[in-house]
Amino acid sequence: QREMVAFITDTGYYADYADSVKGRFT
């Protein structure tokens, strides 16, 4: 299934990641 990897808010102030990519993807 399609899964979310990361998102970033409108101003770029906040971003979050799937556990599987944390620390590797930005």
All heavy atoms as atom14 arrays in JSON, in Angstrom:
{
  "sequence": "QREMVAFITDTGYYADYADSVKGRFT",
  "atom14_mask": [
    [1, 1, 1, 1, 1, 1, 1, 1, 1, 0, 0, 0, 0, 0],
    [1, 1, 1, 1, 1, 1, 1, 1, 1, 1, 1, 0, 0, 0],
    [1, 1, 1, 1, 1, 1, 1, 1, 1, 0, 0, 0, 0, 0],
    [1, 1, 1, 1, 1, 1, 1, 1, 0, 0, 0, 0, 0, 0],
    [1, 1, 1, 1, 1, 1, 1, 0, 0, 0, 0, 0, 0, 0],
    [1, 1, 1, 1, 1, 0, 0, 0, 0, 0, 0, 0, 0, 0],
    [1, 1, 1, 1, 1, 1, 1, 1, 1, 1, 1, 0, 0, 0],
    [1, 1, 1, 1, 1, 1, 1, 1, 0, 0, 0, 0, 0, 0],
    [1, 1, 1, 1, 1, 1, 1, 0, 0, 0, 0, 0, 0, 0],
    [1, 1, 1, 1, 1, 1, 1, 1, 0, 0, 0, 0, 0, 0],
    [1, 1, 1, 1, 1, 1, 1, 0, 0, 0, 0, 0, 0, 0],
    [1, 1, 1, 1, 0, 0, 0, 0, 0, 0, 0, 0, 0, 0],
    [1, 1, 1, 1, 1, 1, 1, 1, 1, 1, 1, 1, 0, 0],
    [1, 1, 1, 1, 1, 1, 1, 1, 1, 1, 1, 1, 0, 0],
    [1, 1, 1, 1, 1, 0, 0, 0, 0, 0, 0, 0, 0, 0],
    [1, 1, 1, 1, 1, 1, 1, 1, 0, 0, 0, 0, 0, 0],
    [1, 1, 1, 1, 1, 1, 1, 1, 1, 1, 1, 1, 0, 0],
    [1, 1, 1, 1, 1, 0, 0, 0, 0, 0, 0, 0, 0, 0],
    [1, 1, 1, 1, 1, 1, 1, 1, 0, 0, 0, 0, 0, 0],
    [1, 1, 1, 1, 1, 1, 0, 0, 0, 0, 0, 0, 0, 0],
    [1, 1, 1, 1, 1, 1, 1, 0, 0, 0, 0, 0, 0, 0],
    [1, 1, 1, 1, 1, 1, 1, 1, 1, 0, 0, 0, 0, 0],
    [1, 1, 1, 1, 0, 0, 0, 0, 0, 0, 0, 0, 0, 0],
    [1, 1, 1, 1, 1, 1, 1, 1, 1, 1, 1, 0, 0, 0],
    [1, 1, 1, 1, 1, 1, 1, 1, 1, 1, 1, 0, 0, 0],
    [1, 1, 1, 1, 1, 1, 1, 0, 0, 0, 0, 0, 0, 0]
  ],
  "atom14_positions": [
    [[0.84, -1.2, 0.0], [0.0, 0.0, 0.0], [0.88, 1.26, 0.0], [2.01, 1.23, 0.49], [-0.9, 0.0, 1.23], [-2.03, -1.0, 1.17], [-3.05, -0.8, 2.28], [-2.69, -0.38, 3.38], [-4.3, -1.1, 2.01], [0.0, 0.0, 0.0], [0.0, 0.0, 0.0], [0.0, 0.0, 0.0], [0.0, 0.0, 0.0], [0.0, 0.0, 0.0]],
    [[0.32, 2.32, -0.52], [1.0, 3.6, -0.48], [1.09, 4.06, 0.97], [0.13, 3.95, 1.73], [0.25, 4.63, -1.32], [1.02, 5.87, -1.63], [0.28, 6.74, -2.64], [0.16, 6.08, -3.94], [-0.25, 6.71, -5.04], [-0.58, 7.99, -4.99], [-0.34, 6.05, -6.18], [0.0, 0.0, 0.0], [0.0, 0.0, 0.0], [0.0, 0.0, 0.0]],
    [[2.26, 4.57, 1.36], [2.46, 5.02, 2.73], [3.09, 6.41, 2.73], [3.87, 6.75, 1.84], [3.38, 4.06, 3.49], [4.79, 3.94, 2.93], [5.73, 3.14, 3.82], [5.37, 2.81, 4.97], [6.86, 2.86, 3.37], [0.0, 0.0, 0.0], [0.0, 0.0, 0.0], [0.0, 0.0, 0.0], [0.0, 0.0, 0.0], [0.0, 0.0, 0.0]],
    [[2.73, 7.2, 3.75], [3.32, 8.52, 3.87], [4.73, 8.4, 4.44], [4.94, 7.72, 5.44], [2.48, 9.44, 4.75], [2.95, 10.89, 4.68], [1.81, 12.05, 5.43], [1.96, 11.61, 7.16], [0.0, 0.0, 0.0], [0.0, 0.0, 0.0], [0.0, 0.0, 0.0], [0.0, 0.0, 0.0], [0.0, 0.0, 0.0], [0.0, 0.0, 0.0]],
    [[5.65, 9.11, 3.81], [7.05, 9.1, 4.22], [7.37, 10.3, 5.09], [8.05, 10.16, 6.11], [7.95, 9.09, 2.97], [9.42, 9.24, 3.35], [7.72, 7.83, 2.15], [0.0, 0.0, 0.0], [0.0, 0.0, 0.0], [0.0, 0.0, 0.0], [0.0, 0.0, 0.0], [0.0, 0.0, 0.0], [0.0, 0.0, 0.0], [0.0, 0.0, 0.0]],
    [[6.88, 11.47, 4.68], [7.2, 12.7, 5.39], [6.2, 13.78, 5.02], [5.6, 13.73, 3.95], [8.61, 13.17, 5.05], [0.0, 0.0, 0.0], [0.0, 0.0, 0.0], [0.0, 0.0, 0.0], [0.0, 0.0, 0.0], [0.0, 0.0, 0.0], [0.0, 0.0, 0.0], [0.0, 0.0, 0.0], [0.0, 0.0, 0.0], [0.0, 0.0, 0.0]],
    [[6.05, 14.75, 5.9], [5.27, 15.93, 5.57], [5.94, 17.16, 6.15], [6.72, 17.06, 7.11], [3.81, 15.82, 6.04], [3.62, 15.98, 7.53], [3.45, 17.24, 8.1], [3.6, 14.87, 8.36], [3.27, 17.39, 9.46], [3.42, 15.01, 9.73], [3.26, 16.27, 10.29], [0.0, 0.0, 0.0], [0.0, 0.0, 0.0], [0.0, 0.0, 0.0]],
    [[5.61, 18.31, 5.58], [6.15, 19.57, 6.06], [5.03, 20.6, 6.0], [4.27, 20.66, 5.02], [7.38, 20.0, 5.23], [8.05, 21.24, 5.82], [7.04, 20.21, 3.76], [9.44, 21.51, 5.26], [0.0, 0.0, 0.0], [0.0, 0.0, 0.0], [0.0, 0.0, 0.0], [0.0, 0.0, 0.0], [0.0, 0.0, 0.0], [0.0, 0.0, 0.0]],
    [[4.9, 21.4, 7.05], [3.82, 22.37, 7.11], [4.07, 23.55, 6.18], [5.15, 23.69, 5.6], [3.62, 22.86, 8.54], [4.87, 23.38, 9.03], [3.16, 21.72, 9.45], [0.0, 0.0, 0.0], [0.0, 0.0, 0.0], [0.0, 0.0, 0.0], [0.0, 0.0, 0.0], [0.0, 0.0, 0.0], [0.0, 0.0, 0.0], [0.0, 0.0, 0.0]],
    [[3.07, 24.41, 6.04], [3.1, 25.46, 5.03], [4.32, 26.37, 5.12], [4.94, 26.71, 4.11], [1.83, 26.3, 5.08], [1.49, 26.82, 6.48], [2.23, 26.49, 7.42], [0.49, 27.55, 6.59], [0.0, 0.0, 0.0], [0.0, 0.0, 0.0], [0.0, 0.0, 0.0], [0.0, 0.0, 0.0], [0.0, 0.0, 0.0], [0.0, 0.0, 0.0]],
    [[4.7, 26.75, 6.34], [5.86, 27.64, 6.49], [7.18, 26.88, 6.54], [8.24, 27.48, 6.51], [5.73, 28.46, 7.78], [5.73, 27.55, 8.89], [4.47, 29.3, 7.78], [0.0, 0.0, 0.0], [0.0, 0.0, 0.0], [0.0, 0.0, 0.0], [0.0, 0.0, 0.0], [0.0, 0.0, 0.0], [0.0, 0.0, 0.0], [0.0, 0.0, 0.0]],
    [[7.08, 25.55, 6.65], [8.28, 24.75, 6.81], [8.75, 24.65, 8.24], [9.79, 24.05, 8.52], [0.0, 0.0, 0.0], [0.0, 0.0, 0.0], [0.0, 0.0, 0.0], [0.0, 0.0, 0.0], [0.0, 0.0, 0.0], [0.0, 0.0, 0.0], [0.0, 0.0, 0.0], [0.0, 0.0, 0.0], [0.0, 0.0, 0.0], [0.0, 0.0, 0.0]],
    [[7.95, 25.18, 9.17], [8.37, 25.2, 10.58], [8.38, 23.8, 11.17], [9.2, 23.49, 12.04], [7.43, 26.1, 11.38], [7.8, 26.22, 12.83], [8.84, 27.04, 13.23], [7.1, 25.5, 13.8], [9.18, 27.16, 14.56], [7.44, 25.61, 15.14], [8.48, 26.45, 15.52], [8.82, 26.55, 16.84], [0.0, 0.0, 0.0], [0.0, 0.0, 0.0]],
    [[7.45, 22.97, 10.73], [7.33, 21.64, 11.34], [7.32, 20.56, 10.26], [6.67, 20.72, 9.21], [6.05, 21.55, 12.16], [5.89, 20.23, 12.87], [6.63, 19.95, 14.02], [5.02, 19.24, 12.39], [6.5, 18.73, 14.68], [4.9, 18.03, 13.04], [5.64, 17.77, 14.17], [5.52, 16.57, 14.82], [0.0, 0.0, 0.0], [0.0, 0.0, 0.0]],
    [[8.04, 19.5, 10.53], [8.06, 18.35, 9.64], [8.07, 17.08, 10.48], [8.5, 17.09, 11.64], [9.29, 18.39, 8.74], [0.0, 0.0, 0.0], [0.0, 0.0, 0.0], [0.0, 0.0, 0.0], [0.0, 0.0, 0.0], [0.0, 0.0, 0.0], [0.0, 0.0, 0.0], [0.0, 0.0, 0.0], [0.0, 0.0, 0.0], [0.0, 0.0, 0.0]],
    [[7.6, 16.01, 9.91], [7.64, 14.73, 10.61], [7.8, 13.62, 9.59], [7.57, 13.82, 8.4], [6.38, 14.52, 11.45], [6.62, 13.57, 12.62], [7.77, 13.06, 12.76], [5.67, 13.3, 13.38], [0.0, 0.0, 0.0], [0.0, 0.0, 0.0], [0.0, 0.0, 0.0], [0.0, 0.0, 0.0], [0.0, 0.0, 0.0], [0.0, 0.0, 0.0]],
    [[8.18, 12.45, 10.11], [8.6, 11.36, 9.24], [8.04, 10.03, 9.7], [7.78, 9.83, 10.9], [10.13, 11.27, 9.25], [10.81, 12.55, 8.82], [11.08, 13.56, 9.75], [11.15, 12.77, 7.49], [11.67, 14.75, 9.35], [11.75, 13.95, 7.09], [12.01, 14.93, 8.02], [12.6, 16.1, 7.63], [0.0, 0.0, 0.0], [0.0, 0.0, 0.0]],
    [[7.91, 9.11, 8.77], [7.62, 7.74, 9.14], [8.81, 7.19, 9.93], [9.96, 7.56, 9.68], [7.39, 6.9, 7.89], [0.0, 0.0, 0.0], [0.0, 0.0, 0.0], [0.0, 0.0, 0.0], [0.0, 0.0, 0.0], [0.0, 0.0, 0.0], [0.0, 0.0, 0.0], [0.0, 0.0, 0.0], [0.0, 0.0, 0.0], [0.0, 0.0, 0.0]],
    [[8.52, 6.3, 10.87], [9.58, 5.74, 11.69], [10.66, 5.07, 10.84], [11.84, 5.1, 11.19], [9.0, 4.72, 12.68], [8.23, 5.38, 13.8], [8.39, 6.6, 14.0], [7.45, 4.67, 14.47], [0.0, 0.0, 0.0], [0.0, 0.0, 0.0], [0.0, 0.0, 0.0], [0.0, 0.0, 0.0], [0.0, 0.0, 0.0], [0.0, 0.0, 0.0]],
    [[10.25, 4.48, 9.74], [11.19, 3.73, 8.9], [12.24, 4.61, 8.23], [13.27, 4.1, 7.76], [10.42, 2.95, 7.83], [9.64, 3.83, 7.03], [0.0, 0.0, 0.0], [0.0, 0.0, 0.0], [0.0, 0.0, 0.0], [0.0, 0.0, 0.0], [0.0, 0.0, 0.0], [0.0, 0.0, 0.0], [0.0, 0.0, 0.0], [0.0, 0.0, 0.0]],
    [[12.01, 5.93, 8.18], [12.96, 6.81, 7.5], [13.54, 7.88, 8.41], [14.41, 8.65, 7.98], [12.33, 7.49, 6.26], [11.7, 6.44, 5.34], [11.31, 8.55, 6.64], [0.0, 0.0, 0.0], [0.0, 0.0, 0.0], [0.0, 0.0, 0.0], [0.0, 0.0, 0.0], [0.0, 0.0, 0.0], [0.0, 0.0, 0.0], [0.0, 0.0, 0.0]],
    [[13.1, 7.93, 9.64], [13.59, 8.96, 10.57], [15.1, 8.86, 10.72], [15.65, 7.77, 10.89], [12.92, 8.8, 11.94], [11.61, 9.53, 12.05], [11.02, 9.43, 13.45], [9.69, 10.15, 13.51], [9.03, 10.02, 14.82], [0.0, 0.0, 0.0], [0.0, 0.0, 0.0], [0.0, 0.0, 0.0], [0.0, 0.0, 0.0], [0.0, 0.0, 0.0]],
    [[15.75, 10.01, 10.66], [17.2, 10.04, 10.79], [17.94, 9.83, 9.48], [19.15, 10.05, 9.41], [0.0, 0.0, 0.0], [0.0, 0.0, 0.0], [0.0, 0.0, 0.0], [0.0, 0.0, 0.0], [0.0, 0.0, 0.0], [0.0, 0.0, 0.0], [0.0, 0.0, 0.0], [0.0, 0.0, 0.0], [0.0, 0.0, 0.0], [0.0, 0.0, 0.0]],
    [[17.21, 9.43, 8.43], [17.84, 9.19, 7.12], [17.3, 10.14, 6.05], [18.05, 10.52, 5.15], [17.6, 7.75, 6.67], [18.16, 6.7, 7.62], [18.07, 5.3, 7.03], [16.69, 4.89, 6.78], [16.21, 4.53, 5.6], [17.0, 4.53, 4.53], [14.95, 4.14, 5.46], [0.0, 0.0, 0.0], [0.0, 0.0, 0.0], [0.0, 0.0, 0.0]],
    [[16.03, 10.49, 6.14], [15.39, 11.36, 5.15], [15.13, 12.73, 5.75], [14.83, 12.85, 6.94], [14.06, 10.78, 4.68], [14.15, 9.54, 3.85], [15.33, 8.82, 3.7], [13.01, 9.06, 3.2], [15.39, 7.66, 2.94], [13.05, 7.91, 2.42], [14.25, 7.23, 2.3], [0.0, 0.0, 0.0], [0.0, 0.0, 0.0], [0.0, 0.0, 0.0]],
    [[15.21, 13.76, 4.9], [14.9, 15.13, 5.31], [14.02, 15.78, 4.25], [14.4, 15.81, 3.08], [16.18, 15.95, 5.5], [17.03, 15.31, 6.46], [15.84, 17.35, 6.0], [0.0, 0.0, 0.0], [0.0, 0.0, 0.0], [0.0, 0.0, 0.0], [0.0, 0.0, 0.0], [0.0, 0.0, 0.0], [0.0, 0.0, 0.0], [0.0, 0.0, 0.0]]
  ]
}
